[in-house]
Amino acid sequence: MPDYSMKLESLKTIPTTHVLAISLAYMLCHLPMLFLGDQVSWDDWIIYRETPQNLAVLAQKIGAPWLTEYFELMSYSRPEIVRLAQFLIFLWCSIFIYGTSSNIGSGKQHAFMVAIVFAVAPLNSSRFLLITFFYSISTLFFFLFFYRASIRLSKITGLGHLVNTFILIIAFQTKSYLVLFYAYFAYVVFIGYSSTENSKGREFLLKYKYYLFLPILYYILLQVFSLPAKEYADYYEVKISPTLWLQRFLDSLVGLLRAVYQRDPQAVVVTLIVCISLIVFTLHSLSSVISVNLHRRKLMQPMTAGQPAVRPCVGPVVGIALIAAGLFPYLAIGVIPEFGHYSSRHQLGLMLGFSVLTAGLLSSAISPLRRYIIVIIVLSSILSWWTHYFDAHVMYSKQRSIIAQIRSLEPLQFTDVIVHDDTEHLNLWETPFNTNEWHGMFAAATGLRNLCIKRFGPSAWEDDNYILRNQPEIFADCDGSVYAKMDQYKPRGNLGRIYITSEHERESYRPKLQAFLIDLLTSSRVPLSLELRKRVIIADAPMDRPH
């Protein structure tokens, strides 16, 4: 049984050339992010917005208001420091996963390959998938850190069980899918306990260790298969039942083949990837079986324990399983997933599956070929990242022009600003600017950060059910007293309140809500008698990207 109680001193044995190679890959992929503008840059929501807000919600749940205030203030800190910290965290994580995988895997060459694949495997994915992939990988490293801490505590003070219980509670309280990352490390911790001197406890754990994770496995299967299918069925307004699942699945395959026949690029790429993966997996499995049979026939005796066994292809199996888990919610309701449009976190299984599949295929390759493929992966990822940076620079330039327009307006102190945002297909996500981006632009233009910004209506991926559940206040009465509901959002700072709407969003609203917003922007019944309450409409056309 391998020694799972790894030591931090093993990091000292990492070859310097491997560390330099990993560092160079991350420098080329992430360093330009440090020079792309200020608080209105495109990647702010990764850590600059979303992570501090999630921590604030967690602090509020555990009853620590001072932590809530601290994390809320952190979300408005200078993003340059956050980007630098993000770069250093990912650099350290790549070296750390190399040190740990060198103990788990079969040699340092495989560990170096795993570190490179985790670093640059996403390639030319969509922007949302690329960002959320790294966001999930950072969560994986977070639990890896606590796993190492629990191992050391279990050997010193016996607090490993308490630490793991605390981590499990946090996982269920924050994001349920984090249990996926926790289960493996908890399993390794139990294996570590099984090597103690207590023979009875060791026998018990070795005998029942698999049953300890049946509840977690059931929850994982429920999250991966049952709940997403129901969620997507509600989203696409499709009724699904067990009797119709096979029909939906066959319809989806027929639709995929029809799209391939019509030369749809996305369908062709998906079909080629799936077919190549299945062919490689089948050939690899058949070659293993044939080699075993030939070896047995040659010796005319069964293989003994001393003879070299054929290494199982775990990587391709796990990769295909993750890809299937990412595709299942779509195929279950007969919908072909759009890889250029982010619609669910379950799409993370696609990118993670491709990464694991790539790692598994590379691990079975010979050394020179493996080195060439790694170089191709690194170069392709670097080129892909540079195209993202170019798009981000284009959007940053457009944001600076909007900031200049805001600064050119009359003084906006103690003023309610109504922004008419028709800037579709303008930002990096090809959607209208979200609230965080408008917050950054107004903050850059006015120097105020404690602003009260309210967007009326959903963003591109929110439907009417989301409005009814989370924004009931926008269904106000349309008798002209539109500020009756608006006054609930009290201004913070000297700018007043900022209301954002767009023609595109108004067209997707219910008739009552549409009448309400049109009344807000165009009707003479809007109470504008106060001198400090003014209307400022900013309309900007999209900027064509250079080719």
Protein backbone atom coordinates (compact mmCIF):
# COMPACT_ATOMS: atom_id res chain seq x y z
CA MET A 1 0.00 0.00 0.00
CA PRO A 2 1.50 3.39 -0.93
CA ASP A 3 2.34 5.84 1.78
CA TYR A 4 -0.37 8.52 1.64
CA SER A 5 1.01 10.46 4.61
CA MET A 6 3.10 12.76 2.44
CA LYS A 7 5.50 15.26 3.94
CA LEU A 8 6.07 18.88 2.99
CA GLU A 9 9.81 18.18 2.89
CA SER A 10 9.23 16.27 -0.35
CA LEU A 11 8.91 19.62 -2.13
CA LYS A 12 12.66 20.07 -1.68
CA THR A 13 13.28 17.22 -4.12
CA ILE A 14 11.62 18.97 -7.06
CA PRO A 15 14.07 19.48 -9.93
CA THR A 16 14.83 23.14 -10.56
CA THR A 17 14.23 22.79 -14.30
CA HIS A 18 10.68 21.56 -13.72
CA VAL A 19 9.92 24.47 -11.38
CA LEU A 20 11.26 26.93 -13.95
CA ALA A 21 9.18 25.33 -16.72
CA ILE A 22 5.96 25.52 -14.70
CA SER A 23 6.76 29.08 -13.61
CA LEU A 24 7.43 30.14 -17.21
CA ALA A 25 4.11 28.67 -18.36
CA TYR A 26 2.21 30.57 -15.69
CA MET A 27 4.15 33.78 -16.28
CA LEU A 28 3.30 33.75 -19.98
CA CYS A 29 -0.34 32.83 -19.33
CA HIS A 30 -1.16 35.15 -16.42
CA LEU A 31 1.36 37.99 -16.23
CA PRO A 32 -0.31 40.25 -18.88
CA MET A 33 -3.37 40.33 -16.62
CA LEU A 34 -1.42 42.60 -14.26
CA PHE A 35 -1.20 45.35 -16.89
CA LEU A 36 -4.80 45.46 -18.12
CA GLY A 37 -6.41 48.52 -16.63
CA ASP A 38 -7.85 49.10 -13.18
CA GLN A 39 -11.06 48.15 -11.35
CA VAL A 40 -13.15 47.83 -14.53
CA SER A 41 -11.20 44.94 -15.99
CA TRP A 42 -12.96 41.82 -17.22
CA ASP A 43 -11.72 39.27 -14.67
CA ASP A 44 -12.68 41.13 -11.49
CA TRP A 45 -15.52 38.82 -10.53
CA ILE A 46 -13.27 35.76 -10.13
CA ILE A 47 -11.78 36.80 -6.79
CA TYR A 48 -12.31 40.56 -6.73
CA ARG A 49 -16.11 40.26 -6.57
CA GLU A 50 -17.43 36.72 -6.19
CA THR A 51 -15.05 35.15 -3.67
CA PRO A 52 -15.20 37.94 -1.04
CA GLN A 53 -18.99 38.05 -1.36
CA ASN A 54 -19.26 34.28 -0.85
CA LEU A 55 -17.03 34.58 2.21
CA ALA A 56 -19.23 37.39 3.50
CA VAL A 57 -22.32 35.18 3.16
CA LEU A 58 -20.51 32.35 4.95
CA ALA A 59 -19.45 34.71 7.76
CA GLN A 60 -23.04 35.87 8.09
CA LYS A 61 -24.25 32.26 8.37
CA ILE A 62 -21.82 31.41 11.16
CA GLY A 63 -22.74 34.57 13.08
CA ALA A 64 -19.67 36.77 12.60
CA PRO A 65 -20.86 40.23 11.50
CA TRP A 66 -17.40 41.76 11.76
CA LEU A 67 -16.11 39.20 9.23
CA THR A 68 -19.03 40.02 6.95
CA GLU A 69 -18.09 43.70 6.95
CA TYR A 70 -14.43 42.86 6.40
CA PHE A 71 -15.11 40.69 3.35
CA GLU A 72 -17.53 43.24 1.89
CA LEU A 73 -14.82 45.89 2.17
CA MET A 74 -12.36 43.46 0.61
CA SER A 75 -14.55 43.19 -2.48
CA TYR A 76 -13.89 46.90 -3.15
CA SER A 77 -10.11 46.72 -2.62
CA ARG A 78 -7.62 47.49 -5.34
CA PRO A 79 -7.82 44.72 -7.95
CA GLU A 80 -4.15 44.97 -8.97
CA ILE A 81 -3.16 43.38 -5.67
CA VAL A 82 -5.84 40.72 -6.15
CA ARG A 83 -4.53 39.85 -9.61
CA LEU A 84 -0.98 39.58 -8.32
CA ALA A 85 -2.17 37.37 -5.45
CA GLN A 86 -4.13 35.24 -7.91
CA PHE A 87 -1.06 34.75 -10.07
CA LEU A 88 1.09 33.78 -7.06
CA ILE A 89 -1.60 31.42 -5.73
CA PHE A 90 -1.89 29.53 -9.03
CA LEU A 91 1.90 29.41 -9.37
CA TRP A 92 2.26 27.99 -5.88
CA CYS A 93 -0.58 25.54 -6.48
CA SER A 94 1.06 24.18 -9.63
CA ILE A 95 4.29 23.54 -7.75
CA PHE A 96 2.37 22.10 -4.82
CA ILE A 97 0.36 19.68 -6.94
CA TYR A 98 3.60 18.61 -8.55
CA GLY A 99 5.10 17.82 -5.15
CA THR A 100 2.09 15.82 -4.03
CA SER A 101 1.55 13.97 -7.30
CA SER A 102 5.23 12.98 -7.39
CA ASN A 103 4.54 10.90 -4.29
CA ILE A 104 1.20 9.48 -5.47
CA GLY A 105 2.11 8.87 -9.11
CA SER A 106 4.69 6.61 -10.66
CA GLY A 107 7.61 8.96 -11.06
CA LYS A 108 8.36 12.65 -11.41
CA GLN A 109 7.82 12.72 -15.18
CA HIS A 110 4.15 11.85 -14.72
CA ALA A 111 3.89 14.40 -11.92
CA PHE A 112 5.35 17.11 -14.13
CA MET A 113 2.87 16.21 -16.88
CA VAL A 114 -0.06 16.39 -14.43
CA ALA A 115 1.07 19.82 -13.21
CA ILE A 116 1.33 21.16 -16.76
CA VAL A 117 -2.08 19.74 -17.74
CA PHE A 118 -3.72 21.31 -14.69
CA ALA A 119 -1.99 24.59 -15.52
CA VAL A 120 -2.77 25.07 -19.21
CA ALA A 121 -5.19 22.35 -20.36
CA PRO A 122 -8.35 24.48 -20.99
CA LEU A 123 -7.00 25.68 -24.38
CA ASN A 124 -9.61 27.44 -26.56
CA SER A 125 -12.64 27.02 -24.35
CA SER A 126 -15.29 29.67 -23.94
CA ARG A 127 -14.46 32.49 -21.56
CA PHE A 128 -16.91 31.43 -18.88
CA LEU A 129 -15.72 27.83 -18.94
CA LEU A 130 -12.11 28.95 -18.79
CA ILE A 131 -12.61 31.19 -15.77
CA THR A 132 -14.86 28.81 -13.85
CA PHE A 133 -12.48 25.93 -14.57
CA PHE A 134 -9.64 27.73 -12.80
CA TYR A 135 -12.07 28.82 -10.09
CA SER A 136 -12.94 25.18 -9.38
CA ILE A 137 -9.30 24.13 -9.51
CA SER A 138 -8.50 26.76 -6.87
CA THR A 139 -11.24 25.22 -4.72
CA LEU A 140 -9.59 21.84 -5.23
CA PHE A 141 -6.29 23.22 -3.95
CA PHE A 142 -8.10 24.77 -0.99
CA PHE A 143 -9.30 21.35 0.13
CA LEU A 144 -5.92 19.85 -0.69
CA PHE A 145 -4.38 22.28 1.80
CA PHE A 146 -6.85 21.28 4.50
CA TYR A 147 -6.24 17.63 3.68
CA ARG A 148 -2.53 18.07 4.35
CA ALA A 149 -3.32 19.95 7.55
CA SER A 150 -5.66 17.21 8.75
CA ILE A 151 -3.01 14.56 8.06
CA ARG A 152 -0.47 16.42 10.18
CA LEU A 153 -2.98 17.10 12.96
CA SER A 154 -4.04 13.46 13.05
CA LYS A 155 -0.45 12.39 13.60
CA ILE A 156 0.26 15.03 16.25
CA THR A 157 -2.89 15.70 18.25
CA GLY A 158 -5.56 13.43 16.82
CA LEU A 159 -7.73 16.35 15.62
CA GLY A 160 -7.98 15.11 12.05
CA HIS A 161 -11.56 13.89 12.43
CA LEU A 162 -12.68 17.26 13.80
CA VAL A 163 -10.93 19.12 10.99
CA ASN A 164 -12.53 16.94 8.32
CA THR A 165 -15.94 17.24 9.94
CA PHE A 166 -15.56 21.03 9.94
CA ILE A 167 -14.56 21.00 6.26
CA LEU A 168 -17.55 18.80 5.40
CA ILE A 169 -19.91 21.23 7.18
CA ILE A 170 -18.42 24.17 5.27
CA ALA A 171 -18.77 22.27 1.98
CA PHE A 172 -22.47 21.62 2.54
CA GLN A 173 -23.13 25.16 3.80
CA THR A 174 -21.47 26.98 0.91
CA LYS A 175 -21.64 25.04 -2.36
CA SER A 176 -22.94 21.50 -2.44
CA TYR A 177 -20.73 20.55 -5.38
CA LEU A 178 -17.64 21.13 -3.22
CA VAL A 179 -18.30 17.70 -1.69
CA LEU A 180 -16.89 16.31 -4.93
CA PHE A 181 -13.50 17.75 -4.04
CA TYR A 182 -13.73 16.76 -0.41
CA ALA A 183 -14.62 13.09 -0.84
CA TYR A 184 -11.27 11.99 -2.25
CA PHE A 185 -9.17 13.68 0.39
CA ALA A 186 -11.40 12.42 3.20
CA TYR A 187 -10.98 8.93 1.79
CA VAL A 188 -7.19 9.29 1.85
CA VAL A 189 -7.38 10.51 5.45
CA PHE A 190 -9.29 7.36 6.43
CA ILE A 191 -6.65 5.28 4.67
CA GLY A 192 -4.05 7.10 6.77
CA TYR A 193 -5.92 6.18 9.93
CA SER A 194 -6.04 2.57 8.78
CA SER A 195 -2.24 2.36 9.09
CA THR A 196 -2.26 3.05 12.83
CA GLU A 197 -1.12 0.57 15.42
CA ASN A 198 -4.70 -0.23 16.45
CA SER A 199 -5.23 -3.51 14.61
CA LYS A 200 -8.96 -3.70 15.35
CA GLY A 201 -9.54 -0.18 14.11
CA ARG A 202 -7.43 -0.92 11.04
CA GLU A 203 -9.42 -4.05 10.23
CA PHE A 204 -12.68 -2.17 10.70
CA LEU A 205 -11.64 0.68 8.39
CA LEU A 206 -10.22 -1.64 5.76
CA LYS A 207 -13.40 -3.69 5.79
CA TYR A 208 -15.96 -0.90 5.86
CA LYS A 209 -14.11 2.08 4.35
CA TYR A 210 -16.11 1.93 1.12
CA TYR A 211 -19.42 1.93 2.96
CA LEU A 212 -18.47 5.12 4.82
CA PHE A 213 -18.79 7.05 1.57
CA LEU A 214 -22.04 5.62 0.29
CA PRO A 215 -24.07 8.65 1.52
CA ILE A 216 -21.64 11.04 -0.14
CA LEU A 217 -21.63 8.93 -3.31
CA TYR A 218 -25.43 8.96 -3.37
CA TYR A 219 -25.46 12.74 -2.97
CA ILE A 220 -22.88 13.13 -5.72
CA LEU A 221 -24.86 10.96 -8.14
CA LEU A 222 -28.00 12.89 -7.25
CA GLN A 223 -26.26 16.20 -7.98
CA VAL A 224 -24.64 15.01 -11.20
CA PHE A 225 -27.56 13.19 -12.81
CA SER A 226 -30.98 13.68 -11.25
CA LEU A 227 -31.07 17.31 -10.12
CA PRO A 228 -29.37 18.84 -13.21
CA ALA A 229 -31.73 17.00 -15.54
CA LYS A 230 -34.72 18.35 -13.61
CA GLU A 231 -33.17 21.81 -13.49
CA TYR A 232 -32.55 21.92 -17.24
CA ALA A 233 -35.99 20.50 -17.92
CA ASP A 234 -37.49 23.40 -15.97
CA TYR A 235 -35.16 25.87 -17.71
CA TYR A 236 -36.04 24.67 -21.21
CA GLU A 237 -39.69 24.07 -20.22
CA VAL A 238 -39.42 20.41 -21.12
CA LYS A 239 -41.36 17.73 -19.23
CA ILE A 240 -39.17 14.76 -18.44
CA SER A 241 -39.97 11.37 -16.95
CA PRO A 242 -38.13 8.04 -16.78
CA THR A 243 -40.24 6.64 -19.62
CA LEU A 244 -39.28 9.52 -21.92
CA TRP A 245 -35.58 9.59 -21.05
CA LEU A 246 -34.53 7.04 -23.67
CA GLN A 247 -36.56 8.82 -26.33
CA ARG A 248 -34.97 12.16 -25.41
CA PHE A 249 -31.54 10.60 -25.48
CA LEU A 250 -32.10 9.07 -28.93
CA ASP A 251 -33.57 12.35 -30.18
CA SER A 252 -30.48 14.17 -28.98
CA LEU A 253 -28.21 11.74 -30.82
CA VAL A 254 -30.30 12.12 -33.98
CA GLY A 255 -30.13 15.90 -33.60
CA LEU A 256 -26.38 15.73 -33.18
CA LEU A 257 -25.99 13.60 -36.31
CA ARG A 258 -28.30 15.95 -38.22
CA ALA A 259 -26.19 18.91 -37.11
CA VAL A 260 -23.05 17.08 -38.23
CA TYR A 261 -24.68 16.40 -41.60
CA GLN A 262 -25.44 20.13 -41.88
CA ARG A 263 -21.79 20.85 -41.04
CA ASP A 264 -22.43 22.68 -37.82
CA PRO A 265 -18.91 23.47 -36.48
CA GLN A 266 -19.79 22.83 -32.82
CA ALA A 267 -21.49 19.52 -33.57
CA VAL A 268 -18.60 18.39 -35.78
CA VAL A 269 -16.05 19.21 -33.07
CA VAL A 270 -18.07 17.43 -30.38
CA THR A 271 -18.53 14.35 -32.55
CA LEU A 272 -14.86 14.19 -33.50
CA ILE A 273 -13.73 14.54 -29.89
CA VAL A 274 -16.11 11.84 -28.67
CA CYS A 275 -15.27 9.46 -31.53
CA ILE A 276 -11.51 9.93 -31.18
CA SER A 277 -11.71 9.46 -27.42
CA LEU A 278 -13.75 6.27 -27.76
CA ILE A 279 -11.45 4.90 -30.48
CA VAL A 280 -8.31 5.62 -28.45
CA PHE A 281 -9.87 4.20 -25.32
CA THR A 282 -11.02 1.05 -27.16
CA LEU A 283 -7.65 0.49 -28.84
CA HIS A 284 -5.82 1.06 -25.58
CA SER A 285 -8.06 -1.43 -23.77
CA LEU A 286 -7.82 -4.01 -26.55
CA SER A 287 -4.05 -3.70 -26.70
CA SER A 288 -3.84 -4.29 -22.96
CA VAL A 289 -6.07 -7.38 -23.18
CA ILE A 290 -4.21 -8.74 -26.21
CA SER A 291 -0.82 -8.21 -24.57
CA VAL A 292 -1.96 -10.03 -21.44
CA ASN A 293 -3.34 -12.97 -23.44
CA LEU A 294 -0.19 -13.23 -25.57
CA HIS A 295 1.96 -13.12 -22.47
CA ARG A 296 -0.03 -15.91 -20.84
CA ARG A 297 0.03 -18.05 -23.99
CA LYS A 298 3.74 -17.55 -24.38
CA LEU A 299 4.48 -18.69 -20.86
CA MET A 300 1.67 -21.27 -20.90
CA GLN A 301 0.92 -20.39 -17.31
CA PRO A 302 -1.04 -17.73 -15.43
CA MET A 303 0.68 -14.55 -14.47
CA THR A 304 2.23 -14.63 -11.03
CA ALA A 305 2.62 -11.84 -8.55
CA GLY A 306 6.20 -11.22 -9.56
CA GLN A 307 5.42 -10.63 -13.22
CA PRO A 308 4.80 -7.09 -14.43
CA ALA A 309 1.11 -6.31 -14.67
CA VAL A 310 -0.48 -4.16 -17.31
CA ARG A 311 -1.11 -0.68 -16.00
CA PRO A 312 -4.82 0.15 -16.05
CA CYS A 313 -5.83 3.21 -18.06
CA VAL A 314 -7.53 5.05 -15.22
CA GLY A 315 -7.09 8.52 -16.74
CA PRO A 316 -9.10 7.94 -19.94
CA VAL A 317 -11.84 6.15 -18.02
CA VAL A 318 -12.20 8.99 -15.51
CA GLY A 319 -12.00 11.59 -18.28
CA ILE A 320 -14.73 9.97 -20.36
CA ALA A 321 -16.86 9.59 -17.23
CA LEU A 322 -16.52 13.30 -16.43
CA ILE A 323 -17.34 14.26 -20.02
CA ALA A 324 -20.42 12.03 -19.89
CA ALA A 325 -21.45 13.60 -16.59
CA GLY A 326 -21.17 17.05 -18.16
CA LEU A 327 -23.16 16.04 -21.23
CA PHE A 328 -25.83 14.00 -19.46
CA PRO A 329 -28.08 16.85 -18.24
CA TYR A 330 -28.32 18.13 -21.81
CA LEU A 331 -28.75 14.78 -23.52
CA ALA A 332 -31.40 13.75 -20.99
CA ILE A 333 -33.74 16.44 -22.29
CA GLY A 334 -32.67 16.32 -25.92
CA VAL A 335 -30.61 19.53 -26.00
CA ILE A 336 -27.18 19.81 -27.61
CA PRO A 337 -24.87 21.80 -25.29
CA GLU A 338 -23.46 25.05 -26.62
CA PHE A 339 -19.81 25.19 -25.69
CA GLY A 340 -19.58 28.88 -26.46
CA HIS A 341 -22.31 29.77 -23.97
CA TYR A 342 -22.10 29.10 -20.25
CA SER A 343 -25.36 27.85 -18.75
CA SER A 344 -24.44 25.67 -15.78
CA ARG A 345 -21.56 24.72 -13.52
CA HIS A 346 -22.02 21.14 -14.68
CA GLN A 347 -20.20 22.15 -17.85
CA LEU A 348 -17.07 22.17 -15.70
CA GLY A 349 -17.12 18.40 -16.03
CA LEU A 350 -16.46 18.81 -19.75
CA MET A 351 -13.23 20.77 -19.37
CA LEU A 352 -12.05 18.75 -16.38
CA GLY A 353 -12.89 15.57 -18.29
CA PHE A 354 -10.88 16.68 -21.31
CA SER A 355 -7.95 17.58 -19.05
CA VAL A 356 -8.00 14.21 -17.27
CA LEU A 357 -8.43 12.42 -20.60
CA THR A 358 -5.44 14.29 -22.00
CA ALA A 359 -3.37 13.46 -18.94
CA GLY A 360 -4.34 9.79 -19.15
CA LEU A 361 -3.46 9.54 -22.83
CA LEU A 362 -0.15 11.33 -22.34
CA SER A 363 0.76 9.08 -19.43
CA SER A 364 0.69 6.06 -21.76
CA ALA A 365 2.85 7.73 -24.41
CA ILE A 366 6.58 7.28 -24.79
CA SER A 367 8.84 9.94 -23.32
CA PRO A 368 9.87 11.89 -26.49
CA LEU A 369 6.31 11.99 -27.79
CA ARG A 370 5.07 13.06 -24.36
CA ARG A 371 7.51 15.97 -24.28
CA TYR A 372 6.46 17.15 -27.74
CA ILE A 373 2.76 17.00 -26.84
CA ILE A 374 3.37 18.95 -23.63
CA VAL A 375 5.15 21.67 -25.60
CA ILE A 376 2.20 21.87 -28.03
CA ILE A 377 -0.27 22.15 -25.13
CA VAL A 378 1.71 24.94 -23.50
CA LEU A 379 2.10 26.91 -26.73
CA SER A 380 -1.58 26.49 -27.68
CA SER A 381 -2.71 27.64 -24.27
CA ILE A 382 -0.43 30.68 -24.38
CA LEU A 383 -1.81 31.68 -27.79
CA SER A 384 -5.36 31.17 -26.53
CA TRP A 385 -4.76 33.34 -23.48
CA TRP A 386 -3.25 36.11 -25.59
CA THR A 387 -6.40 36.24 -27.74
CA HIS A 388 -8.44 36.64 -24.56
CA TYR A 389 -6.16 39.45 -23.44
CA PHE A 390 -6.59 41.19 -26.78
CA ASP A 391 -10.38 41.00 -26.44
CA ALA A 392 -10.09 42.26 -22.88
CA HIS A 393 -7.99 45.20 -24.05
CA VAL A 394 -10.64 46.10 -26.64
CA MET A 395 -13.35 46.06 -23.98
CA TYR A 396 -11.15 48.04 -21.59
CA SER A 397 -10.68 50.75 -24.23
CA LYS A 398 -14.45 50.97 -24.70
CA GLN A 399 -14.97 51.22 -20.96
CA ARG A 400 -12.51 54.10 -20.80
CA SER A 401 -14.54 55.95 -23.46
CA ILE A 402 -17.72 55.48 -21.39
CA ILE A 403 -15.89 56.75 -18.32
CA ALA A 404 -14.90 59.83 -20.30
CA GLN A 405 -18.57 60.41 -21.23
CA ILE A 406 -19.62 60.15 -17.59
CA ARG A 407 -16.96 62.66 -16.59
CA SER A 408 -18.12 65.06 -19.31
CA LEU A 409 -21.63 65.28 -17.82
CA GLU A 410 -22.67 67.98 -15.42
CA PRO A 411 -21.86 67.38 -11.74
CA LEU A 412 -23.71 64.30 -10.55
CA GLN A 413 -23.58 64.79 -6.80
CA PHE A 414 -26.84 63.88 -5.03
CA THR A 415 -28.34 62.88 -8.38
CA ASP A 416 -30.34 59.86 -9.44
CA VAL A 417 -28.83 58.61 -12.70
CA ILE A 418 -30.87 56.53 -15.17
CA VAL A 419 -28.58 54.67 -17.56
CA HIS A 420 -30.12 53.54 -20.84
CA ASP A 421 -27.73 50.72 -21.70
CA ASP A 422 -28.12 49.41 -25.25
CA THR A 423 -24.54 48.17 -25.47
CA GLU A 424 -25.28 44.63 -26.54
CA HIS A 425 -22.38 42.45 -27.70
CA LEU A 426 -19.98 45.01 -26.28
CA ASN A 427 -18.16 43.45 -23.38
CA LEU A 428 -16.08 40.29 -23.38
CA TRP A 429 -19.07 38.04 -22.69
CA GLU A 430 -20.98 39.58 -25.64
CA THR A 431 -23.74 40.77 -23.29
CA PRO A 432 -24.70 44.16 -21.88
CA PHE A 433 -22.48 45.43 -19.09
CA ASN A 434 -23.43 43.95 -15.74
CA THR A 435 -23.85 45.82 -12.47
CA ASN A 436 -20.27 45.25 -11.37
CA GLU A 437 -18.90 46.70 -14.60
CA TRP A 438 -21.14 49.77 -14.32
CA HIS A 439 -20.07 50.10 -10.70
CA GLY A 440 -16.43 50.10 -11.74
CA MET A 441 -16.99 52.66 -14.49
CA PHE A 442 -18.92 55.06 -12.25
CA ALA A 443 -16.35 54.59 -9.50
CA ALA A 444 -13.53 55.38 -11.90
CA ALA A 445 -15.36 58.43 -13.25
CA THR A 446 -16.49 59.93 -9.93
CA GLY A 447 -13.96 58.61 -7.44
CA LEU A 448 -16.79 57.16 -5.30
CA ARG A 449 -16.90 53.47 -4.46
CA ASN A 450 -19.85 53.21 -2.07
CA LEU A 451 -22.49 53.52 -4.79
CA CYS A 452 -26.07 52.26 -4.97
CA ILE A 453 -26.56 50.66 -8.39
CA LYS A 454 -29.81 48.88 -9.27
CA ARG A 455 -30.31 47.00 -12.53
CA PHE A 456 -33.93 46.52 -13.50
CA GLY A 457 -34.51 43.08 -14.88
CA PRO A 458 -32.49 39.95 -15.42
CA SER A 459 -29.16 39.51 -17.05
CA ALA A 460 -28.71 37.27 -20.08
CA TRP A 461 -29.09 33.96 -18.24
CA GLU A 462 -31.89 34.82 -15.77
CA ASP A 463 -35.50 34.07 -16.59
CA ASP A 464 -38.83 35.27 -15.25
CA ASN A 465 -38.84 32.71 -12.47
CA TYR A 466 -35.64 34.27 -11.17
CA ILE A 467 -37.28 37.72 -11.22
CA LEU A 468 -40.31 36.55 -9.29
CA ARG A 469 -38.16 34.78 -6.74
CA ASN A 470 -35.39 37.32 -6.14
CA GLN A 471 -36.62 40.67 -7.48
CA PRO A 472 -40.32 40.99 -6.60
CA GLU A 473 -39.94 44.70 -5.94
CA ILE A 474 -39.65 45.56 -9.64
CA PHE A 475 -43.26 44.49 -10.21
CA ALA A 476 -44.49 47.78 -8.81
CA ASP A 477 -47.80 49.39 -9.64
CA CYS A 478 -47.74 51.34 -12.89
CA ASP A 479 -49.80 54.31 -11.79
CA GLY A 480 -46.95 56.78 -12.16
CA SER A 481 -45.54 56.54 -8.64
CA VAL A 482 -42.50 54.66 -9.82
CA TYR A 483 -40.24 56.13 -7.18
CA ALA A 484 -42.34 54.54 -4.43
CA LYS A 485 -40.39 51.31 -4.86
CA MET A 486 -37.14 52.96 -5.89
CA ASP A 487 -36.85 54.86 -2.64
CA GLN A 488 -36.28 51.55 -0.88
CA TYR A 489 -32.78 51.60 -2.34
CA LYS A 490 -31.26 54.40 -0.35
CA PRO A 491 -28.28 56.16 -1.89
CA ARG A 492 -24.86 55.56 -0.44
CA GLY A 493 -22.32 58.28 -1.04
CA ASN A 494 -22.75 61.56 -2.89
CA LEU A 495 -23.85 60.24 -6.26
CA GLY A 496 -27.34 59.08 -5.34
CA ARG A 497 -28.87 56.07 -7.05
CA ILE A 498 -28.04 54.59 -10.42
CA TYR A 499 -30.75 52.70 -12.32
CA ILE A 500 -29.73 50.65 -15.34
CA THR A 501 -32.01 49.25 -18.02
CA SER A 502 -31.80 48.41 -21.71
CA GLU A 503 -34.07 48.04 -24.70
CA HIS A 504 -33.03 44.41 -25.08
CA GLU A 505 -34.07 43.58 -21.53
CA ARG A 506 -37.35 45.44 -21.77
CA GLU A 507 -38.36 43.32 -24.76
CA SER A 508 -37.97 40.14 -22.71
CA TYR A 509 -40.07 41.30 -19.77
CA ARG A 510 -43.63 40.53 -18.91
CA PRO A 511 -46.08 43.15 -20.28
CA LYS A 512 -46.67 44.61 -16.83
CA LEU A 513 -42.97 45.00 -16.14
CA GLN A 514 -42.37 46.37 -19.62
CA ALA A 515 -45.03 49.04 -19.10
CA PHE A 516 -43.46 49.87 -15.76
CA LEU A 517 -40.00 50.45 -17.23
CA ILE A 518 -41.29 52.40 -20.23
CA ASP A 519 -43.22 54.55 -17.80
CA LEU A 520 -40.02 55.08 -15.86
CA LEU A 521 -38.02 56.29 -18.86
CA THR A 522 -40.52 58.10 -21.09
CA SER A 523 -43.69 59.05 -19.27
CA SER A 524 -44.26 62.63 -18.17
CA ARG A 525 -45.84 61.32 -14.98
CA VAL A 526 -42.42 60.46 -13.55
CA PRO A 527 -42.02 62.83 -10.57
CA LEU A 528 -39.07 65.04 -11.52
CA SER A 529 -40.11 68.05 -9.50
CA LEU A 530 -37.08 67.87 -7.21
CA GLU A 531 -34.11 69.81 -8.50
CA LEU A 532 -31.66 67.21 -7.23
CA ARG A 533 -33.40 64.40 -9.12
CA LYS A 534 -32.31 64.46 -12.74
CA ARG A 535 -32.43 62.14 -15.70
CA VAL A 536 -29.22 61.22 -17.47
CA ILE A 537 -29.47 58.81 -20.38
CA ILE A 538 -26.28 57.26 -21.69
CA ALA A 539 -26.60 55.43 -24.99
CA ASP A 540 -23.56 53.94 -26.64
CA ALA A 541 -23.16 51.83 -29.74
CA PRO A 542 -21.01 48.71 -29.87
CA MET A 543 -17.48 49.08 -31.11
CA ASP A 544 -16.40 46.85 -33.97
CA ARG A 545 -13.49 44.69 -33.03
CA PRO A 546 -10.51 44.82 -35.39
CA HIS A 547 -9.74 41.62 -37.20
